[in-house]
Amino acid sequence: DAVAQLGGSAVAESRVCDVRDRESV
C-alpha cells in the first residue's frame, strides 16, 4: 500500500525486514 501511495515502483520499492533481528537487517 505504501509503495503505491509513494508513486509506485518508478520511485520506490519495499523490503520485508524485522528490525529486531540483526540477520534480517
mmCIF file of all heavy atoms, coordinates in Angstrom:
data_MODEL
# 
_entry.id   MODEL 
# 
loop_
_atom_site.group_PDB 
_atom_site.id 
_atom_site.type_symbol 
_atom_site.label_atom_id 
_atom_site.label_alt_id 
_atom_site.label_comp_id 
_atom_site.label_asym_id 
_atom_site.label_entity_id 
_atom_site.label_seq_id 
_atom_site.pdbx_PDB_ins_code 
_atom_site.Cartn_x 
_atom_site.Cartn_y 
_atom_site.Cartn_z 
_atom_site.occupancy 
_atom_site.B_iso_or_equiv 
_atom_site.pdbx_formal_charge 
_atom_site.auth_seq_id 
_atom_site.auth_comp_id 
_atom_site.auth_asym_id 
_atom_site.auth_atom_id 
_atom_site.pdbx_PDB_model_num 
ATOM 1   N N   . ASP A 1 1  ? 0.827  -1.203  0.000   1.00 0.00 ? 1  ASP A N   1 
ATOM 2   C CA  . ASP A 1 1  ? 0.000  0.000   0.000   1.00 0.00 ? 1  ASP A CA  1 
ATOM 3   C C   . ASP A 1 1  ? 0.866  1.259   0.000   1.00 0.00 ? 1  ASP A C   1 
ATOM 4   O O   . ASP A 1 1  ? 0.569  2.246   -0.686  1.00 0.00 ? 1  ASP A O   1 
ATOM 5   C CB  . ASP A 1 1  ? -0.924 0.017   1.212   1.00 0.00 ? 1  ASP A CB  1 
ATOM 6   C CG  . ASP A 1 1  ? -2.022 -1.037  1.134   1.00 0.00 ? 1  ASP A CG  1 
ATOM 7   O OD1 . ASP A 1 1  ? -2.241 -1.582  0.038   1.00 0.00 ? 1  ASP A OD1 1 
ATOM 8   O OD2 . ASP A 1 1  ? -2.639 -1.310  2.179   1.00 0.00 ? 1  ASP A OD2 1 
ATOM 9   N N   . ALA A 1 2  ? 1.936  1.227   0.772   1.00 0.00 ? 2  ALA A N   1 
ATOM 10  C CA  . ALA A 1 2  ? 2.797  2.397   0.889   1.00 0.00 ? 2  ALA A CA  1 
ATOM 11  C C   . ALA A 1 2  ? 3.524  2.699   -0.417  1.00 0.00 ? 2  ALA A C   1 
ATOM 12  O O   . ALA A 1 2  ? 3.638  3.861   -0.817  1.00 0.00 ? 2  ALA A O   1 
ATOM 13  C CB  . ALA A 1 2  ? 3.804  2.189   2.021   1.00 0.00 ? 2  ALA A CB  1 
ATOM 14  N N   . VAL A 1 3  ? 4.044  1.671   -1.089  1.00 0.00 ? 3  VAL A N   1 
ATOM 15  C CA  . VAL A 1 3  ? 4.723  1.894   -2.370  1.00 0.00 ? 3  VAL A CA  1 
ATOM 16  C C   . VAL A 1 3  ? 3.769  2.525   -3.375  1.00 0.00 ? 3  VAL A C   1 
ATOM 17  O O   . VAL A 1 3  ? 4.132  3.458   -4.103  1.00 0.00 ? 3  VAL A O   1 
ATOM 18  C CB  . VAL A 1 3  ? 5.310  0.575   -2.913  1.00 0.00 ? 3  VAL A CB  1 
ATOM 19  C CG1 . VAL A 1 3  ? 5.768  0.749   -4.366  1.00 0.00 ? 3  VAL A CG1 1 
ATOM 20  C CG2 . VAL A 1 3  ? 6.491  0.127   -2.056  1.00 0.00 ? 3  VAL A CG2 1 
ATOM 21  N N   . ALA A 1 4  ? 2.527  2.038   -3.411  1.00 0.00 ? 4  ALA A N   1 
ATOM 22  C CA  . ALA A 1 4  ? 1.536  2.638   -4.307  1.00 0.00 ? 4  ALA A CA  1 
ATOM 23  C C   . ALA A 1 4  ? 1.296  4.096   -3.953  1.00 0.00 ? 4  ALA A C   1 
ATOM 24  O O   . ALA A 1 4  ? 1.184  4.956   -4.839  1.00 0.00 ? 4  ALA A O   1 
ATOM 25  C CB  . ALA A 1 4  ? 0.238  1.850   -4.232  1.00 0.00 ? 4  ALA A CB  1 
ATOM 26  N N   . GLN A 1 5  ? 1.240  4.389   -2.661  1.00 0.00 ? 5  GLN A N   1 
ATOM 27  C CA  . GLN A 1 5  ? 0.996  5.758   -2.228  1.00 0.00 ? 5  GLN A CA  1 
ATOM 28  C C   . GLN A 1 5  ? 2.182  6.662   -2.555  1.00 0.00 ? 5  GLN A C   1 
ATOM 29  O O   . GLN A 1 5  ? 2.019  7.852   -2.845  1.00 0.00 ? 5  GLN A O   1 
ATOM 30  C CB  . GLN A 1 5  ? 0.714  5.789   -0.726  1.00 0.00 ? 5  GLN A CB  1 
ATOM 31  C CG  . GLN A 1 5  ? 0.239  7.139   -0.222  1.00 0.00 ? 5  GLN A CG  1 
ATOM 32  C CD  . GLN A 1 5  ? -0.333 7.049   1.185   1.00 0.00 ? 5  GLN A CD  1 
ATOM 33  O OE1 . GLN A 1 5  ? -0.819 6.003   1.616   1.00 0.00 ? 5  GLN A OE1 1 
ATOM 34  N NE2 . GLN A 1 5  ? -0.263 8.146   1.918   1.00 0.00 ? 5  GLN A NE2 1 
ATOM 35  N N   . LEU A 1 6  ? 3.390  6.108   -2.535  1.00 0.00 ? 6  LEU A N   1 
ATOM 36  C CA  . LEU A 1 6  ? 4.592  6.886   -2.840  1.00 0.00 ? 6  LEU A CA  1 
ATOM 37  C C   . LEU A 1 6  ? 4.731  7.196   -4.326  1.00 0.00 ? 6  LEU A C   1 
ATOM 38  O O   . LEU A 1 6  ? 5.511  8.069   -4.703  1.00 0.00 ? 6  LEU A O   1 
ATOM 39  C CB  . LEU A 1 6  ? 5.835  6.137   -2.356  1.00 0.00 ? 6  LEU A CB  1 
ATOM 40  C CG  . LEU A 1 6  ? 6.046  6.091   -0.847  1.00 0.00 ? 6  LEU A CG  1 
ATOM 41  C CD1 . LEU A 1 6  ? 7.130  5.090   -0.485  1.00 0.00 ? 6  LEU A CD1 1 
ATOM 42  C CD2 . LEU A 1 6  ? 6.404  7.470   -0.305  1.00 0.00 ? 6  LEU A CD2 1 
ATOM 43  N N   . GLY A 1 7  ? 3.996  6.479   -5.163  1.00 0.00 ? 7  GLY A N   1 
ATOM 44  C CA  . GLY A 1 7  ? 4.070  6.727   -6.598  1.00 0.00 ? 7  GLY A CA  1 
ATOM 45  C C   . GLY A 1 7  ? 4.453  5.519   -7.412  1.00 0.00 ? 7  GLY A C   1 
ATOM 46  O O   . GLY A 1 7  ? 4.722  5.631   -8.615  1.00 0.00 ? 7  GLY A O   1 
ATOM 47  N N   . GLY A 1 8  ? 4.521  4.348   -6.766  1.00 0.00 ? 8  GLY A N   1 
ATOM 48  C CA  . GLY A 1 8  ? 4.791  3.119   -7.494  1.00 0.00 ? 8  GLY A CA  1 
ATOM 49  C C   . GLY A 1 8  ? 6.261  2.798   -7.621  1.00 0.00 ? 8  GLY A C   1 
ATOM 50  O O   . GLY A 1 8  ? 7.143  3.496   -7.100  1.00 0.00 ? 8  GLY A O   1 
ATOM 51  N N   . SER A 1 9  ? 6.539  1.731   -8.363  1.00 0.00 ? 9  SER A N   1 
ATOM 52  C CA  . SER A 1 9  ? 7.908  1.207   -8.454  1.00 0.00 ? 9  SER A CA  1 
ATOM 53  C C   . SER A 1 9  ? 8.861  2.133   -9.197  1.00 0.00 ? 9  SER A C   1 
ATOM 54  O O   . SER A 1 9  ? 10.071 1.937   -9.157  1.00 0.00 ? 9  SER A O   1 
ATOM 55  C CB  . SER A 1 9  ? 7.881  -0.159  -9.146  1.00 0.00 ? 9  SER A CB  1 
ATOM 56  O OG  . SER A 1 9  ? 7.328  -0.051  -10.449 1.00 0.00 ? 9  SER A OG  1 
ATOM 57  N N   . ALA A 1 10 ? 8.350  3.140   -9.877  1.00 0.00 ? 10 ALA A N   1 
ATOM 58  C CA  . ALA A 1 10 ? 9.230  4.076   -10.572 1.00 0.00 ? 10 ALA A CA  1 
ATOM 59  C C   . ALA A 1 10 ? 10.051 4.913   -9.599  1.00 0.00 ? 10 ALA A C   1 
ATOM 60  O O   . ALA A 1 10 ? 11.138 5.393   -9.954  1.00 0.00 ? 10 ALA A O   1 
ATOM 61  C CB  . ALA A 1 10 ? 8.404  4.993   -11.476 1.00 0.00 ? 10 ALA A CB  1 
ATOM 62  N N   . VAL A 1 11 ? 9.542  5.096   -8.383  1.00 0.00 ? 11 VAL A N   1 
ATOM 63  C CA  . VAL A 1 11 ? 10.245 5.959   -7.420  1.00 0.00 ? 11 VAL A CA  1 
ATOM 64  C C   . VAL A 1 11 ? 10.583 5.252   -6.115  1.00 0.00 ? 11 VAL A C   1 
ATOM 65  O O   . VAL A 1 11 ? 11.420 5.734   -5.346  1.00 0.00 ? 11 VAL A O   1 
ATOM 66  C CB  . VAL A 1 11 ? 9.419  7.225   -7.109  1.00 0.00 ? 11 VAL A CB  1 
ATOM 67  C CG1 . VAL A 1 11 ? 9.275  8.111   -8.342  1.00 0.00 ? 11 VAL A CG1 1 
ATOM 68  C CG2 . VAL A 1 11 ? 8.053  6.862   -6.543  1.00 0.00 ? 11 VAL A CG2 1 
ATOM 69  N N   . ALA A 1 12 ? 9.919  4.128   -5.840  1.00 0.00 ? 12 ALA A N   1 
ATOM 70  C CA  . ALA A 1 12 ? 10.112 3.484   -4.540  1.00 0.00 ? 12 ALA A CA  1 
ATOM 71  C C   . ALA A 1 12 ? 9.940  1.979   -4.657  1.00 0.00 ? 12 ALA A C   1 
ATOM 72  O O   . ALA A 1 12 ? 9.278  1.480   -5.571  1.00 0.00 ? 12 ALA A O   1 
ATOM 73  C CB  . ALA A 1 12 ? 9.117  4.043   -3.515  1.00 0.00 ? 12 ALA A CB  1 
ATOM 74  N N   . GLU A 1 13 ? 10.535 1.265   -3.734  1.00 0.00 ? 13 GLU A N   1 
ATOM 75  C CA  . GLU A 1 13 ? 10.337 -0.173  -3.628  1.00 0.00 ? 13 GLU A CA  1 
ATOM 76  C C   . GLU A 1 13 ? 10.404 -0.567  -2.171  1.00 0.00 ? 13 GLU A C   1 
ATOM 77  O O   . GLU A 1 13 ? 10.760 0.246   -1.309  1.00 0.00 ? 13 GLU A O   1 
ATOM 78  C CB  . GLU A 1 13 ? 11.345 -0.941  -4.482  1.00 0.00 ? 13 GLU A CB  1 
ATOM 79  C CG  . GLU A 1 13 ? 12.797 -0.586  -4.241  1.00 0.00 ? 13 GLU A CG  1 
ATOM 80  C CD  . GLU A 1 13 ? 13.682 -1.158  -5.347  1.00 0.00 ? 13 GLU A CD  1 
ATOM 81  O OE1 . GLU A 1 13 ? 14.036 -2.353  -5.236  1.00 0.00 ? 13 GLU A OE1 1 
ATOM 82  O OE2 . GLU A 1 13 ? 14.001 -0.430  -6.300  1.00 0.00 ? 13 GLU A OE2 1 
ATOM 83  N N   . SER A 1 14 ? 10.067 -1.810  -1.889  1.00 0.00 ? 14 SER A N   1 
ATOM 84  C CA  . SER A 1 14 ? 9.953  -2.214  -0.491  1.00 0.00 ? 14 SER A CA  1 
ATOM 85  C C   . SER A 1 14 ? 10.675 -3.521  -0.241  1.00 0.00 ? 14 SER A C   1 
ATOM 86  O O   . SER A 1 14 ? 10.939 -4.302  -1.151  1.00 0.00 ? 14 SER A O   1 
ATOM 87  C CB  . SER A 1 14 ? 8.474  -2.361  -0.112  1.00 0.00 ? 14 SER A CB  1 
ATOM 88  O OG  . SER A 1 14 ? 7.884  -3.438  -0.810  1.00 0.00 ? 14 SER A OG  1 
ATOM 89  N N   . ARG A 1 15 ? 10.987 -3.744  1.041   1.00 0.00 ? 15 ARG A N   1 
ATOM 90  C CA  . ARG A 1 15 ? 11.578 -4.986  1.509   1.00 0.00 ? 15 ARG A CA  1 
ATOM 91  C C   . ARG A 1 15 ? 10.959 -5.323  2.865   1.00 0.00 ? 15 ARG A C   1 
ATOM 92  O O   . ARG A 1 15 ? 10.757 -4.430  3.701   1.00 0.00 ? 15 ARG A O   1 
ATOM 93  C CB  . ARG A 1 15 ? 13.096 -4.864  1.687   1.00 0.00 ? 15 ARG A CB  1 
ATOM 94  C CG  . ARG A 1 15 ? 13.886 -4.481  0.451   1.00 0.00 ? 15 ARG A CG  1 
ATOM 95  C CD  . ARG A 1 15 ? 13.934 -5.612  -0.557  1.00 0.00 ? 15 ARG A CD  1 
ATOM 96  N NE  . ARG A 1 15 ? 14.866 -5.334  -1.632  1.00 0.00 ? 15 ARG A NE  1 
ATOM 97  C CZ  . ARG A 1 15 ? 14.591 -4.596  -2.711  1.00 0.00 ? 15 ARG A CZ  1 
ATOM 98  N NH1 . ARG A 1 15 ? 13.375 -4.060  -2.844  1.00 0.00 ? 15 ARG A NH1 1 
ATOM 99  N NH2 . ARG A 1 15 ? 15.494 -4.410  -3.657  1.00 0.00 ? 15 ARG A NH2 1 
ATOM 100 N N   . VAL A 1 16 ? 10.691 -6.592  3.087   1.00 0.00 ? 16 VAL A N   1 
ATOM 101 C CA  . VAL A 1 16 ? 10.246 -7.037  4.405   1.00 0.00 ? 16 VAL A CA  1 
ATOM 102 C C   . VAL A 1 16 ? 11.474 -7.200  5.293   1.00 0.00 ? 16 VAL A C   1 
ATOM 103 O O   . VAL A 1 16 ? 12.460 -7.833  4.901   1.00 0.00 ? 16 VAL A O   1 
ATOM 104 C CB  . VAL A 1 16 ? 9.468  -8.366  4.308   1.00 0.00 ? 16 VAL A CB  1 
ATOM 105 C CG1 . VAL A 1 16 ? 9.142  -8.896  5.701   1.00 0.00 ? 16 VAL A CG1 1 
ATOM 106 C CG2 . VAL A 1 16 ? 8.201  -8.179  3.497   1.00 0.00 ? 16 VAL A CG2 1 
ATOM 107 N N   . CYS A 1 17 ? 11.415 -6.624  6.484   1.00 0.00 ? 17 CYS A N   1 
ATOM 108 C CA  . CYS A 1 17 ? 12.535 -6.701  7.418   1.00 0.00 ? 17 CYS A CA  1 
ATOM 109 C C   . CYS A 1 17 ? 12.016 -6.532  8.840   1.00 0.00 ? 17 CYS A C   1 
ATOM 110 O O   . CYS A 1 17 ? 11.167 -5.680  9.096   1.00 0.00 ? 17 CYS A O   1 
ATOM 111 C CB  . CYS A 1 17 ? 13.573 -5.612  7.114   1.00 0.00 ? 17 CYS A CB  1 
ATOM 112 S SG  . CYS A 1 17 ? 14.956 -5.550  8.286   1.00 0.00 ? 17 CYS A SG  1 
ATOM 113 N N   . ASP A 1 18 ? 12.524 -7.353  9.746   1.00 0.00 ? 18 ASP A N   1 
ATOM 114 C CA  . ASP A 1 18 ? 12.225 -7.216  11.169  1.00 0.00 ? 18 ASP A CA  1 
ATOM 115 C C   . ASP A 1 18 ? 13.427 -6.545  11.823  1.00 0.00 ? 18 ASP A C   1 
ATOM 116 O O   . ASP A 1 18 ? 14.494 -7.147  11.968  1.00 0.00 ? 18 ASP A O   1 
ATOM 117 C CB  . ASP A 1 18 ? 11.973 -8.586  11.792  1.00 0.00 ? 18 ASP A CB  1 
ATOM 118 C CG  . ASP A 1 18 ? 11.513 -8.503  13.239  1.00 0.00 ? 18 ASP A CG  1 
ATOM 119 O OD1 . ASP A 1 18 ? 11.669 -7.429  13.856  1.00 0.00 ? 18 ASP A OD1 1 
ATOM 120 O OD2 . ASP A 1 18 ? 11.002 -9.516  13.762  1.00 0.00 ? 18 ASP A OD2 1 
ATOM 121 N N   . VAL A 1 19 ? 13.256 -5.297  12.208  1.00 0.00 ? 19 VAL A N   1 
ATOM 122 C CA  . VAL A 1 19 ? 14.370 -4.505  12.716  1.00 0.00 ? 19 VAL A CA  1 
ATOM 123 C C   . VAL A 1 19 ? 14.949 -5.089  14.002  1.00 0.00 ? 19 VAL A C   1 
ATOM 124 O O   . VAL A 1 19 ? 16.090 -4.800  14.376  1.00 0.00 ? 19 VAL A O   1 
ATOM 125 C CB  . VAL A 1 19 ? 13.913 -3.041  12.917  1.00 0.00 ? 19 VAL A CB  1 
ATOM 126 C CG1 . VAL A 1 19 ? 13.022 -2.910  14.148  1.00 0.00 ? 19 VAL A CG1 1 
ATOM 127 C CG2 . VAL A 1 19 ? 15.085 -2.091  12.994  1.00 0.00 ? 19 VAL A CG2 1 
ATOM 128 N N   . ARG A 1 20 ? 14.190 -5.941  14.686  1.00 0.00 ? 20 ARG A N   1 
ATOM 129 C CA  . ARG A 1 20 ? 14.664 -6.573  15.919  1.00 0.00 ? 20 ARG A CA  1 
ATOM 130 C C   . ARG A 1 20 ? 15.676 -7.675  15.640  1.00 0.00 ? 20 ARG A C   1 
ATOM 131 O O   . ARG A 1 20 ? 16.418 -8.088  16.541  1.00 0.00 ? 20 ARG A O   1 
ATOM 132 C CB  . ARG A 1 20 ? 13.483 -7.161  16.691  1.00 0.00 ? 20 ARG A CB  1 
ATOM 133 C CG  . ARG A 1 20 ? 12.403 -6.157  17.057  1.00 0.00 ? 20 ARG A CG  1 
ATOM 134 C CD  . ARG A 1 20 ? 11.157 -6.843  17.580  1.00 0.00 ? 20 ARG A CD  1 
ATOM 135 N NE  . ARG A 1 20 ? 10.578 -7.740  16.569  1.00 0.00 ? 20 ARG A NE  1 
ATOM 136 C CZ  . ARG A 1 20 ? 9.477  -8.449  16.742  1.00 0.00 ? 20 ARG A CZ  1 
ATOM 137 N NH1 . ARG A 1 20 ? 8.829  -8.368  17.902  1.00 0.00 ? 20 ARG A NH1 1 
ATOM 138 N NH2 . ARG A 1 20 ? 9.014  -9.223  15.783  1.00 0.00 ? 20 ARG A NH2 1 
ATOM 139 N N   . ASP A 1 21 ? 15.705 -8.151  14.408  1.00 0.00 ? 21 ASP A N   1 
ATOM 140 C CA  . ASP A 1 21 ? 16.512 -9.301  14.008  1.00 0.00 ? 21 ASP A CA  1 
ATOM 141 C C   . ASP A 1 21 ? 17.742 -8.808  13.247  1.00 0.00 ? 21 ASP A C   1 
ATOM 142 O O   . ASP A 1 21 ? 17.634 -8.328  12.119  1.00 0.00 ? 21 ASP A O   1 
ATOM 143 C CB  . ASP A 1 21 ? 15.665 -10.232 13.141  1.00 0.00 ? 21 ASP A CB  1 
ATOM 144 C CG  . ASP A 1 21 ? 16.401 -11.482 12.704  1.00 0.00 ? 21 ASP A CG  1 
ATOM 145 O OD1 . ASP A 1 21 ? 17.634 -11.556 12.860  1.00 0.00 ? 21 ASP A OD1 1 
ATOM 146 O OD2 . ASP A 1 21 ? 15.727 -12.393 12.185  1.00 0.00 ? 21 ASP A OD2 1 
ATOM 147 N N   . ARG A 1 22 ? 18.918 -8.952  13.845  1.00 0.00 ? 22 ARG A N   1 
ATOM 148 C CA  . ARG A 1 22 ? 20.143 -8.428  13.225  1.00 0.00 ? 22 ARG A CA  1 
ATOM 149 C C   . ARG A 1 22 ? 20.406 -9.063  11.864  1.00 0.00 ? 22 ARG A C   1 
ATOM 150 O O   . ARG A 1 22 ? 20.867 -8.399  10.930  1.00 0.00 ? 22 ARG A O   1 
ATOM 151 C CB  . ARG A 1 22 ? 21.318 -8.663  14.164  1.00 0.00 ? 22 ARG A CB  1 
ATOM 152 C CG  . ARG A 1 22 ? 22.575 -7.873  13.825  1.00 0.00 ? 22 ARG A CG  1 
ATOM 153 C CD  . ARG A 1 22 ? 23.620 -8.073  14.905  1.00 0.00 ? 22 ARG A CD  1 
ATOM 154 N NE  . ARG A 1 22 ? 23.070 -7.728  16.212  1.00 0.00 ? 22 ARG A NE  1 
ATOM 155 C CZ  . ARG A 1 22 ? 23.552 -8.181  17.366  1.00 0.00 ? 22 ARG A CZ  1 
ATOM 156 N NH1 . ARG A 1 22 ? 24.565 -9.018  17.374  1.00 0.00 ? 22 ARG A NH1 1 
ATOM 157 N NH2 . ARG A 1 22 ? 23.020 -7.810  18.504  1.00 0.00 ? 22 ARG A NH2 1 
ATOM 158 N N   . GLU A 1 23 ? 20.132 -10.345 11.737  1.00 0.00 ? 23 GLU A N   1 
ATOM 159 C CA  . GLU A 1 23 ? 20.362 -11.021 10.466  1.00 0.00 ? 23 GLU A CA  1 
ATOM 160 C C   . GLU A 1 23 ? 19.394 -10.512 9.399   1.00 0.00 ? 23 GLU A C   1 
ATOM 161 O O   . GLU A 1 23 ? 19.770 -10.356 8.223   1.00 0.00 ? 23 GLU A O   1 
ATOM 162 C CB  . GLU A 1 23 ? 20.199 -12.533 10.636  1.00 0.00 ? 23 GLU A CB  1 
ATOM 163 C CG  . GLU A 1 23 ? 20.378 -13.338 9.367   1.00 0.00 ? 23 GLU A CG  1 
ATOM 164 C CD  . GLU A 1 23 ? 21.741 -13.173 8.709   1.00 0.00 ? 23 GLU A CD  1 
ATOM 165 O OE1 . GLU A 1 23 ? 22.709 -12.785 9.401   1.00 0.00 ? 23 GLU A OE1 1 
ATOM 166 O OE2 . GLU A 1 23 ? 21.837 -13.430 7.489   1.00 0.00 ? 23 GLU A OE2 1 
ATOM 167 N N   . SER A 1 24 ? 18.158 -10.241 9.781   1.00 0.00 ? 24 SER A N   1 
ATOM 168 C CA  . SER A 1 24 ? 17.196 -9.667  8.845   1.00 0.00 ? 24 SER A CA  1 
ATOM 169 C C   . SER A 1 24 ? 17.660 -8.300  8.360   1.00 0.00 ? 24 SER A C   1 
ATOM 170 O O   . SER A 1 24 ? 17.545 -7.976  7.172   1.00 0.00 ? 24 SER A O   1 
ATOM 171 C CB  . SER A 1 24 ? 15.829 -9.564  9.514   1.00 0.00 ? 24 SER A CB  1 
ATOM 172 O OG  . SER A 1 24 ? 14.868 -9.013  8.641   1.00 0.00 ? 24 SER A OG  1 
ATOM 173 N N   . VAL A 1 25 ? 18.204 -7.505  9.254   1.00 0.00 ? 25 VAL A N   1 
ATOM 174 C CA  . VAL A 1 25 ? 18.720 -6.186  8.878   1.00 0.00 ? 25 VAL A CA  1 
ATOM 175 C C   . VAL A 1 25 ? 19.926 -6.334  7.956   1.00 0.00 ? 25 VAL A C   1 
ATOM 176 O O   . VAL A 1 25 ? 20.076 -5.597  6.972   1.00 0.00 ? 25 VAL A O   1 
ATOM 177 C CB  . VAL A 1 25 ? 19.071 -5.368  10.133  1.00 0.00 ? 25 VAL A CB  1 
ATOM 178 C CG1 . VAL A 1 25 ? 19.760 -4.061  9.750   1.00 0.00 ? 25 VAL A CG1 1 
ATOM 179 C CG2 . VAL A 1 25 ? 17.820 -5.083  10.959  1.00 0.00 ? 25 VAL A CG2 1 
# 
